[in-house]
Amino acid sequence: FPTPFPLSPPGRIGVAAVTAGPGVTNAVTAVKNAQMAESPLLLLGGAAATLQKGRGALQDIPQVPLFRTLCKSALSVRAVRDIVPTLRRAIATAQEGTPGPVFVELPIDVLYPFHVVQKEIGGSKTPRGLRGKLVQW
């Protein structure tokens, strides 16, 4: 019987990028289809700033645990220097063995400069206290 989606040629991978929260959750059905079709897929999902994780930030949901059951691997990038190695590992994982989807979460503070993130999360111009020092660091 024919598959609903053509399988990717060797060495090729599908890539999708979605926003945090509802963008990620709306991709669940597509990721499940990729899993069932054994299609290599790299899903990049936005995420709340690292310091706001688990603190009620807008669109902050536990995305990585959600995709662990659907993907060969579900990862979260924690630092800019880890973006390229994480993406390389994710692409290799999606293609090796039985092909399938991989999810990589990219928090806003990893993707954008500090001044953009500060504006987005509503931080003060001059951070104070221990948290402020950590953010500045």
C-alpha atoms as a PDB file:
ATOM      1  CA  PHE A   1       0.000   0.000   0.000  1.00  0.00           C
ATOM      2  CA  PRO A   2       1.309   3.472  -0.785  1.00  0.00           C
ATOM      3  CA  THR A   3       2.536   5.696   2.026  1.00  0.00           C
ATOM      4  CA  PRO A   4       0.760   9.048   2.423  1.00  0.00           C
ATOM      5  CA  PHE A   5       4.100  10.898   2.373  1.00  0.00           C
ATOM      6  CA  PRO A   6       7.069  10.002   0.195  1.00  0.00           C
ATOM      7  CA  LEU A   7      10.086   8.819   2.151  1.00  0.00           C
ATOM      8  CA  SER A   8      13.057  11.161   2.147  1.00  0.00           C
ATOM      9  CA  PRO A   9      15.937  10.298  -0.188  1.00  0.00           C
ATOM     10  CA  PRO A  10      19.075   9.127   1.645  1.00  0.00           C
ATOM     11  CA  GLY A  11      20.972  11.991   3.259  1.00  0.00           C
ATOM     12  CA  ARG A  12      17.986  14.342   3.279  1.00  0.00           C
ATOM     13  CA  ILE A  13      15.992  15.474   6.271  1.00  0.00           C
ATOM     14  CA  GLY A  14      12.853  17.534   6.734  1.00  0.00           C
ATOM     15  CA  VAL A  15      13.190  20.645   8.891  1.00  0.00           C
ATOM     16  CA  ALA A  16      10.452  22.688  10.558  1.00  0.00           C
ATOM     17  CA  ALA A  17      10.702  25.624  12.938  1.00  0.00           C
ATOM     18  CA  VAL A  18       7.814  26.584  15.221  1.00  0.00           C
ATOM     19  CA  THR A  19       7.196  29.110  17.949  1.00  0.00           C
ATOM     20  CA  ALA A  20       7.048  28.159  21.631  1.00  0.00           C
ATOM     21  CA  GLY A  21       3.924  26.811  23.297  1.00  0.00           C
ATOM     22  CA  PRO A  22       1.047  26.500  20.822  1.00  0.00           C
ATOM     23  CA  GLY A  23       3.377  26.332  17.830  1.00  0.00           C
ATOM     24  CA  VAL A  24       5.121  23.342  19.367  1.00  0.00           C
ATOM     25  CA  THR A  25       1.930  21.607  20.482  1.00  0.00           C
ATOM     26  CA  ASN A  26       0.345  22.104  17.046  1.00  0.00           C
ATOM     27  CA  ALA A  27       3.272  20.159  15.557  1.00  0.00           C
ATOM     28  CA  VAL A  28       2.531  17.007  17.586  1.00  0.00           C
ATOM     29  CA  THR A  29       0.395  15.362  14.880  1.00  0.00           C
ATOM     30  CA  ALA A  30       2.965  16.029  12.156  1.00  0.00           C
ATOM     31  CA  VAL A  31       5.759  14.641  14.336  1.00  0.00           C
ATOM     32  CA  LYS A  32       3.737  11.499  15.072  1.00  0.00           C
ATOM     33  CA  ASN A  33       3.180  11.056  11.321  1.00  0.00           C
ATOM     34  CA  ALA A  34       6.936  11.401  10.715  1.00  0.00           C
ATOM     35  CA  GLN A  35       7.571   8.812  13.438  1.00  0.00           C
ATOM     36  CA  MET A  36       5.111   6.336  11.923  1.00  0.00           C
ATOM     37  CA  ALA A  37       6.442   6.937   8.376  1.00  0.00           C
ATOM     38  CA  GLU A  38      10.044   6.549   9.605  1.00  0.00           C
ATOM     39  CA  SER A  39      10.905   9.915   8.066  1.00  0.00           C
ATOM     40  CA  PRO A  40      13.887  11.903   9.345  1.00  0.00           C
ATOM     41  CA  LEU A  41      12.641  15.229  10.685  1.00  0.00           C
ATOM     42  CA  LEU A  42      14.304  17.996  12.670  1.00  0.00           C
ATOM     43  CA  LEU A  43      11.741  20.052  14.585  1.00  0.00           C
ATOM     44  CA  LEU A  44      13.112  23.295  16.029  1.00  0.00           C
ATOM     45  CA  GLY A  45      10.926  24.786  18.745  1.00  0.00           C
ATOM     46  CA  GLY A  46      11.186  28.138  20.424  1.00  0.00           C
ATOM     47  CA  ALA A  47      11.019  28.339  24.219  1.00  0.00           C
ATOM     48  CA  ALA A  48      10.761  30.827  27.065  1.00  0.00           C
ATOM     49  CA  ALA A  49      13.967  32.362  28.397  1.00  0.00           C
ATOM     50  CA  THR A  50      16.030  29.955  30.496  1.00  0.00           C
ATOM     51  CA  LEU A  51      15.656  32.032  33.682  1.00  0.00           C
ATOM     52  CA  GLN A  52      11.869  31.998  33.279  1.00  0.00           C
ATOM     53  CA  LYS A  53      11.459  28.236  32.834  1.00  0.00           C
ATOM     54  CA  GLY A  54       8.875  26.849  35.228  1.00  0.00           C
ATOM     55  CA  ARG A  55       7.944  30.319  36.515  1.00  0.00           C
ATOM     56  CA  GLY A  56       4.758  30.955  34.564  1.00  0.00           C
ATOM     57  CA  ALA A  57       6.327  32.658  31.551  1.00  0.00           C
ATOM     58  CA  LEU A  58       4.201  33.150  28.448  1.00  0.00           C
ATOM     59  CA  GLN A  59       4.039  29.933  26.403  1.00  0.00           C
ATOM     60  CA  ASP A  60       6.243  28.054  28.872  1.00  0.00           C
ATOM     61  CA  ILE A  61       5.199  24.417  28.806  1.00  0.00           C
ATOM     62  CA  PRO A  62       7.298  21.271  29.326  1.00  0.00           C
ATOM     63  CA  GLN A  63       8.034  20.762  25.612  1.00  0.00           C
ATOM     64  CA  VAL A  64      10.990  18.371  25.826  1.00  0.00           C
ATOM     65  CA  PRO A  65       9.121  15.770  27.938  1.00  0.00           C
ATOM     66  CA  LEU A  66       6.163  16.018  25.537  1.00  0.00           C
ATOM     67  CA  PHE A  67       8.334  15.049  22.572  1.00  0.00           C
ATOM     68  CA  ARG A  68      10.375  12.338  24.284  1.00  0.00           C
ATOM     69  CA  THR A  69       7.591   9.826  23.548  1.00  0.00           C
ATOM     70  CA  LEU A  70       7.315  10.864  19.883  1.00  0.00           C
ATOM     71  CA  CYS A  71      10.931  11.443  18.889  1.00  0.00           C
ATOM     72  CA  LYS A  72      14.168   9.547  18.750  1.00  0.00           C
ATOM     73  CA  SER A  73      15.652  12.386  20.783  1.00  0.00           C
ATOM     74  CA  ALA A  74      14.350  15.558  22.448  1.00  0.00           C
ATOM     75  CA  LEU A  75      16.969  18.132  23.426  1.00  0.00           C
ATOM     76  CA  SER A  76      17.182  21.659  24.789  1.00  0.00           C
ATOM     77  CA  VAL A  77      20.057  23.976  23.903  1.00  0.00           C
ATOM     78  CA  ARG A  78      21.406  25.834  26.950  1.00  0.00           C
ATOM     79  CA  ALA A  79      24.142  28.037  25.458  1.00  0.00           C
ATOM     80  CA  VAL A  80      24.968  29.636  22.105  1.00  0.00           C
ATOM     81  CA  ARG A  81      28.142  27.535  21.798  1.00  0.00           C
ATOM     82  CA  ASP A  82      25.972  24.387  21.969  1.00  0.00           C
ATOM     83  CA  ILE A  83      23.695  25.233  19.017  1.00  0.00           C
ATOM     84  CA  VAL A  84      25.819  23.779  16.216  1.00  0.00           C
ATOM     85  CA  PRO A  85      26.943  20.594  18.048  1.00  0.00           C
ATOM     86  CA  THR A  86      23.361  19.939  19.193  1.00  0.00           C
ATOM     87  CA  LEU A  87      21.961  20.394  15.691  1.00  0.00           C
ATOM     88  CA  ARG A  88      24.644  18.131  14.197  1.00  0.00           C
ATOM     89  CA  ARG A  89      23.885  15.435  16.756  1.00  0.00           C
ATOM     90  CA  ALA A  90      20.127  15.830  16.201  1.00  0.00           C
ATOM     91  CA  ILE A  91      20.435  15.502  12.420  1.00  0.00           C
ATOM     92  CA  ALA A  92      22.637  12.412  12.745  1.00  0.00           C
ATOM     93  CA  THR A  93      20.170  10.857  15.211  1.00  0.00           C
ATOM     94  CA  ALA A  94      17.203  11.534  12.914  1.00  0.00           C
ATOM     95  CA  GLN A  95      18.947   9.788  10.007  1.00  0.00           C
ATOM     96  CA  GLU A  96      20.741   6.882  11.684  1.00  0.00           C
ATOM     97  CA  GLY A  97      19.220   3.434  12.111  1.00  0.00           C
ATOM     98  CA  THR A  98      15.478   3.667  11.644  1.00  0.00           C
ATOM     99  CA  PRO A  99      14.927   7.285  10.565  1.00  0.00           C
ATOM    100  CA  GLY A 100      12.571   9.423  12.612  1.00  0.00           C
ATOM    101  CA  PRO A 101      11.865  12.810  14.153  1.00  0.00           C
ATOM    102  CA  VAL A 102      14.088  14.716  16.575  1.00  0.00           C
ATOM    103  CA  PHE A 103      13.049  17.771  18.612  1.00  0.00           C
ATOM    104  CA  VAL A 104      15.430  20.596  19.562  1.00  0.00           C
ATOM    105  CA  GLU A 105      14.230  23.344  21.902  1.00  0.00           C
ATOM    106  CA  LEU A 106      15.872  26.758  21.504  1.00  0.00           C
ATOM    107  CA  PRO A 107      15.141  29.187  24.366  1.00  0.00           C
ATOM    108  CA  ILE A 108      14.822  32.847  23.390  1.00  0.00           C
ATOM    109  CA  ASP A 109      17.901  33.844  25.418  1.00  0.00           C
ATOM    110  CA  VAL A 110      20.033  31.451  23.363  1.00  0.00           C
ATOM    111  CA  LEU A 111      18.810  32.854  20.052  1.00  0.00           C
ATOM    112  CA  TYR A 112      18.785  36.605  20.656  1.00  0.00           C
ATOM    113  CA  PRO A 113      21.111  39.231  22.181  1.00  0.00           C
ATOM    114  CA  PHE A 114      20.570  40.171  25.828  1.00  0.00           C
ATOM    115  CA  HIS A 115      18.947  43.561  25.111  1.00  0.00           C
ATOM    116  CA  VAL A 116      16.268  41.887  22.950  1.00  0.00           C
ATOM    117  CA  VAL A 117      15.536  39.260  25.600  1.00  0.00           C
ATOM    118  CA  GLN A 118      15.462  41.875  28.368  1.00  0.00           C
ATOM    119  CA  LYS A 119      12.868  43.866  26.435  1.00  0.00           C
ATOM    120  CA  GLU A 120      10.816  40.711  25.737  1.00  0.00           C
ATOM    121  CA  ILE A 121      10.714  39.520  29.361  1.00  0.00           C
ATOM    122  CA  GLY A 122      10.169  43.011  30.739  1.00  0.00           C
ATOM    123  CA  GLY A 123      13.331  43.267  32.788  1.00  0.00           C
ATOM    124  CA  SER A 124      14.555  46.540  34.260  1.00  0.00           C
ATOM    125  CA  LYS A 125      17.275  48.525  32.516  1.00  0.00           C
ATOM    126  CA  THR A 126      19.702  48.015  35.398  1.00  0.00           C
ATOM    127  CA  PRO A 127      19.304  44.543  36.916  1.00  0.00           C
ATOM    128  CA  ARG A 128      19.828  44.398  40.679  1.00  0.00           C
ATOM    129  CA  GLY A 129      20.485  41.706  43.215  1.00  0.00           C
ATOM    130  CA  LEU A 130      21.784  38.203  42.632  1.00  0.00           C
ATOM    131  CA  ARG A 131      19.394  37.488  39.763  1.00  0.00           C
ATOM    132  CA  GLY A 132      20.441  40.693  38.025  1.00  0.00           C
ATOM    133  CA  LYS A 133      24.093  39.798  38.369  1.00  0.00           C
ATOM    134  CA  LEU A 134      23.413  36.328  36.990  1.00  0.00           C
ATOM    135  CA  VAL A 135      21.529  37.768  34.020  1.00  0.00           C
ATOM    136  CA  GLN A 136      24.289  40.281  33.327  1.00  0.00           C
ATOM    137  CA  TRP A 137      26.891  37.516  33.583  1.00  0.00           C
END
